[in-house]
Protein backbone atom coordinates (compact mmCIF):
# COMPACT_ATOMS: atom_id res chain seq x y z
CA UNK A 1 115.06 86.66 112.41
CA UNK A 2 116.74 85.54 109.19
CA UNK A 3 116.67 82.48 106.95
CA UNK A 4 117.78 79.21 108.53
CA UNK A 5 120.83 77.38 107.26
CA UNK A 6 120.38 74.40 104.95
CA UNK A 7 120.02 71.21 106.93
CA UNK A 8 119.08 72.93 110.19
CA UNK A 9 115.36 72.07 110.07
CA UNK A 10 114.16 70.05 112.99
CA UNK A 11 111.15 67.74 113.26
CA UNK A 12 108.97 70.44 114.77
CA UNK A 13 105.36 71.45 113.96
CA UNK A 14 106.45 74.89 112.78
CA UNK A 15 104.07 75.30 109.84
CA UNK A 16 101.07 74.01 111.76
CA UNK A 17 101.76 76.36 114.67
CA UNK A 18 102.29 79.37 112.40
CA UNK A 19 99.08 78.57 110.52
CA UNK A 20 97.15 78.62 113.79
CA UNK A 21 98.79 81.87 114.83
CA UNK A 22 97.91 83.49 111.48
CA UNK A 23 94.26 82.65 112.08
CA UNK A 24 94.29 84.07 115.62
CA UNK A 25 96.15 87.23 114.58
CA UNK A 26 93.86 87.87 111.62
CA UNK A 27 90.59 87.30 113.45
CA UNK A 28 91.03 88.80 116.90
CA UNK A 29 94.56 89.75 117.95
CA UNK A 30 96.07 92.69 116.06
CA UNK A 31 98.73 92.99 118.77
CA UNK A 32 100.54 89.87 117.47
CA UNK A 33 100.07 90.62 113.76
CA UNK A 34 103.62 91.84 113.18
CA UNK A 35 105.26 89.00 115.10
CA UNK A 36 103.17 86.41 113.27
CA UNK A 37 103.88 88.03 109.91
CA UNK A 38 107.56 87.83 110.74
CA UNK A 39 107.66 84.13 111.57
CA UNK A 40 105.43 83.27 108.59
CA UNK A 41 108.23 84.35 106.24
CA UNK A 42 110.27 81.29 107.11
CA UNK A 43 107.90 78.40 106.46
CA UNK A 44 110.44 76.76 104.15
CA UNK A 45 113.67 77.75 105.90
CA UNK A 46 113.13 77.53 109.63
CA UNK A 47 115.26 76.19 112.46
CA UNK A 48 115.18 76.17 116.26
CA UNK A 49 115.64 79.95 116.42
CA UNK A 50 112.42 80.44 114.47
CA UNK A 51 110.65 77.80 116.55
CA UNK A 52 111.66 79.60 119.74
CA UNK A 53 110.15 82.81 118.33
CA UNK A 54 106.88 80.95 117.65
CA UNK A 55 106.84 79.56 121.19
CA UNK A 56 107.40 83.07 122.56
CA UNK A 57 104.27 84.28 120.73
CA UNK A 58 102.30 81.33 122.11
CA UNK A 59 103.48 82.10 125.66
CA UNK A 60 102.40 85.72 125.19
CA UNK A 61 98.95 84.61 124.04
CA UNK A 62 98.66 82.29 127.03
CA UNK A 63 99.48 85.18 129.36
CA UNK A 64 96.95 87.49 127.66
CA UNK A 65 94.22 84.94 126.87
CA UNK A 66 91.54 87.05 128.57
CA UNK A 67 92.11 90.05 126.28
CA UNK A 68 89.26 90.83 123.87
CA UNK A 69 88.49 93.53 121.33
CA UNK A 70 85.90 95.74 123.03
CA UNK A 71 83.79 98.17 120.99
CA UNK A 72 81.96 101.09 122.59
CA UNK A 73 78.87 102.56 120.95
CA UNK A 74 79.54 105.86 122.74
CA UNK A 75 82.95 106.32 121.12
CA UNK A 76 83.72 107.79 117.68
CA UNK A 77 81.83 105.81 115.04
CA UNK A 78 83.80 107.32 112.16
CA UNK A 79 86.47 105.07 110.66
CA UNK A 80 90.05 106.17 111.32
CA UNK A 81 92.73 104.70 109.06
CA UNK A 82 96.33 104.45 110.29
CA UNK A 83 99.09 103.50 107.85
CA UNK A 84 102.83 103.07 108.30
CA UNK A 85 105.86 101.34 106.80
CA UNK A 86 109.14 100.08 108.20
CA UNK A 87 111.62 101.05 105.49
CA UNK A 88 113.87 98.15 104.34
CA UNK A 89 113.02 96.29 107.53
CA UNK A 90 113.44 92.77 106.10
CA UNK A 91 117.10 91.80 106.54
CA UNK A 92 116.83 89.02 103.95
CA UNK A 93 115.35 91.01 101.05
CA UNK A 94 115.59 94.67 102.21
CA UNK A 95 111.90 95.03 101.43
CA UNK A 96 109.78 97.27 103.63
CA UNK A 97 106.88 96.18 105.81
CA UNK A 98 103.39 97.62 105.32
CA UNK A 99 101.20 98.00 108.37
CA UNK A 100 97.72 99.45 108.72
CA UNK A 101 94.93 99.55 111.29
CA UNK A 102 91.33 100.74 110.85
CA UNK A 103 89.57 101.82 114.04
CA UNK A 104 85.85 102.31 114.71
CA UNK A 105 83.96 102.75 117.98
CA UNK A 106 87.13 102.60 120.03
CA UNK A 107 88.65 99.39 118.66
CA UNK A 108 90.35 97.95 115.61
CA UNK A 109 88.05 96.49 112.97
CA UNK A 110 90.67 95.37 110.45
CA UNK A 111 94.47 95.35 110.34
CA UNK A 112 97.42 93.89 108.49
CA UNK A 113 101.19 93.50 108.53
CA UNK A 114 102.80 92.40 105.29
CA UNK A 115 106.14 92.60 103.55
CA UNK A 116 105.91 94.72 100.42
CA UNK A 117 106.21 93.03 97.01
CA UNK A 118 109.23 95.01 95.86
CA UNK A 119 112.12 96.99 97.27
CA UNK A 120 111.23 100.63 97.97
CA UNK A 121 113.96 103.12 97.11
CA UNK A 122 113.04 105.60 99.85
CA UNK A 123 111.07 105.96 103.05
CA UNK A 124 108.54 108.10 101.17
CA UNK A 125 107.99 105.36 98.60
CA UNK A 126 107.52 102.70 101.29
CA UNK A 127 105.01 104.92 103.11
CA UNK A 128 103.18 105.66 99.85
CA UNK A 129 102.84 101.95 99.04
CA UNK A 130 101.55 101.28 102.55
CA UNK A 131 99.05 104.15 102.23
CA UNK A 132 97.71 102.59 99.05
CA UNK A 133 97.16 99.25 100.78
CA UNK A 134 95.39 100.98 103.67
CA UNK A 135 93.21 102.96 101.28
CA UNK A 136 92.12 99.85 99.40
CA UNK A 137 91.13 98.22 102.67
CA UNK A 138 89.31 101.36 103.79
CA UNK A 139 87.27 101.50 100.57
CA UNK A 140 86.27 97.86 101.02
CA UNK A 141 85.27 98.42 104.66
CA UNK A 142 83.28 101.51 103.71
CA UNK A 143 81.39 99.56 101.05
CA UNK A 144 80.71 96.76 103.53
CA UNK A 145 79.10 99.14 106.01
CA UNK A 146 77.08 100.77 103.24
CA UNK A 147 75.81 97.34 102.20
CA UNK A 148 74.44 96.73 105.71
CA UNK A 149 72.94 100.24 105.87
CA UNK A 150 75.46 101.70 108.33
CA UNK A 151 76.19 105.31 107.48
CA UNK A 152 79.88 106.15 107.08
CA UNK A 153 80.81 109.82 106.95
CA UNK A 154 82.91 110.92 103.97
CA UNK A 155 85.80 111.42 103.69
CA UNK A 156 87.61 108.80 105.74
CA UNK A 157 90.75 110.12 107.42
CA UNK A 158 94.06 108.45 106.63
CA UNK A 159 96.77 109.16 109.21
CA UNK A 160 100.42 109.14 108.09
CA UNK A 161 103.58 110.11 109.96
CA UNK A 162 105.64 110.97 106.88
CA UNK A 163 105.29 114.48 105.50
CA UNK A 164 106.94 113.60 102.19
CA UNK A 165 104.39 110.86 101.52
CA UNK A 166 101.54 113.21 102.43
CA UNK A 167 102.89 115.86 100.05
CA UNK A 168 103.32 113.28 97.28
CA UNK A 169 99.73 112.06 97.62
CA UNK A 170 98.33 115.58 97.58
CA UNK A 171 100.56 116.80 94.74
CA UNK A 172 99.39 116.17 91.17
CA UNK A 173 102.90 116.54 89.75
CA UNK A 174 105.54 113.86 89.24
CA UNK A 175 109.31 114.17 89.30
CA UNK A 176 112.35 112.04 88.53
CA UNK A 177 112.55 110.59 92.04
CA UNK A 178 109.07 109.06 91.83
CA UNK A 179 108.53 108.24 88.16
CA UNK A 180 109.59 104.62 88.72
CA UNK A 181 106.75 103.92 91.21
CA UNK A 182 104.18 101.55 89.73
CA UNK A 183 100.98 103.14 88.44
CA UNK A 184 98.74 100.90 90.57
CA UNK A 185 99.84 102.68 93.75
CA UNK A 186 98.29 105.91 92.50
CA UNK A 187 94.96 104.51 93.68
CA UNK A 188 95.44 106.48 96.90
CA UNK A 189 95.97 109.70 94.92
CA UNK A 190 92.75 109.06 92.99
CA UNK A 191 90.74 108.52 96.17
CA UNK A 192 92.19 111.68 97.71
CA UNK A 193 91.29 113.74 94.64
CA UNK A 194 87.78 112.23 94.67
CA UNK A 195 87.47 113.28 98.34
CA UNK A 196 86.85 109.71 99.44
CA UNK A 197 89.75 110.06 101.87
CA UNK A 198 91.50 112.92 103.59
CA UNK A 199 95.15 112.82 104.66
CA UNK A 200 96.29 113.97 108.09
CA UNK A 201 99.68 113.99 109.75
CA UNK A 202 100.12 112.10 113.01
CA UNK A 203 103.31 111.99 115.07
CA UNK A 204 105.28 108.76 115.16
CA UNK A 205 104.51 108.44 118.87
CA UNK A 206 100.78 108.39 118.06
CA UNK A 207 101.00 106.28 114.88
CA UNK A 208 98.92 103.28 115.91
CA UNK A 209 99.90 101.16 112.90
CA UNK A 210 103.49 101.18 114.16
CA UNK A 211 102.50 98.07 116.09
CA UNK A 212 102.11 96.28 112.74
CA UNK A 213 105.48 97.26 111.27
CA UNK A 214 108.16 96.72 113.89
CA UNK A 215 109.00 95.49 117.37
CA UNK A 216 108.25 98.19 119.94
CA UNK A 217 109.34 98.93 123.47
CA UNK A 218 107.12 97.37 126.12
CA UNK A 219 105.61 100.70 127.20
CA UNK A 220 104.76 101.76 123.65
CA UNK A 221 103.46 98.28 122.79
CA UNK A 222 101.12 98.20 125.79
CA UNK A 223 99.92 101.75 125.06
CA UNK A 224 99.03 100.82 121.49
CA UNK A 225 97.44 97.57 122.64
CA UNK A 226 94.99 99.63 124.69
CA UNK A 227 94.34 101.94 121.73
CA UNK A 228 93.57 98.90 119.59
CA UNK A 229 90.68 98.23 121.94
CA UNK A 230 92.13 95.09 123.52
CA UNK A 231 90.88 94.81 127.08
CA UNK A 232 90.57 92.14 129.73
CA UNK A 233 87.01 90.90 129.82
């Protein structure tokens, strides 16, 4: 999708439909999070092409209306954090897309897909920014469980599929290729050094948060949908 031409807007309930989809995606359907994030970028510059994309999401939801997030008390109760970025994926701005998924007891408990606030100059930088967003969410989730007296084992594991980003987080040094990165993103470095999180490599084929950063093949999409804990019930 890209921005609609001036004067191509039609009298269609685009904003209302997207607003409803945002609510559904945020509350219970991580499998549509990327698609909904994509169409939500064009609330002020949409046309029939964008409307057709919205209708496609609605048809998908209609066909999968019996899918629910199913949690299993017998599965791993530790929180697993998956983070990824689609480098320069936005054709309008060339900004990257951050995606993350947190999993507990066999299903996703929180997730997000969002275009980054600035243009990343490398894949490593995009992945690092995404890792920071995932870490902030993980720290909030951890505090939430602590507040309701649910024990969360430290450190939480953050899974990345980019070795350069992993090395950058673990390395205390800075060099000329990274000195421009905003200080606020070093939050993830601080949490790693404090042993609040650990960083592990995961292959791209097993990177669950991929479903929040880009369109996937049907086989890979359905595989990740199962791993998100979405089941017919």
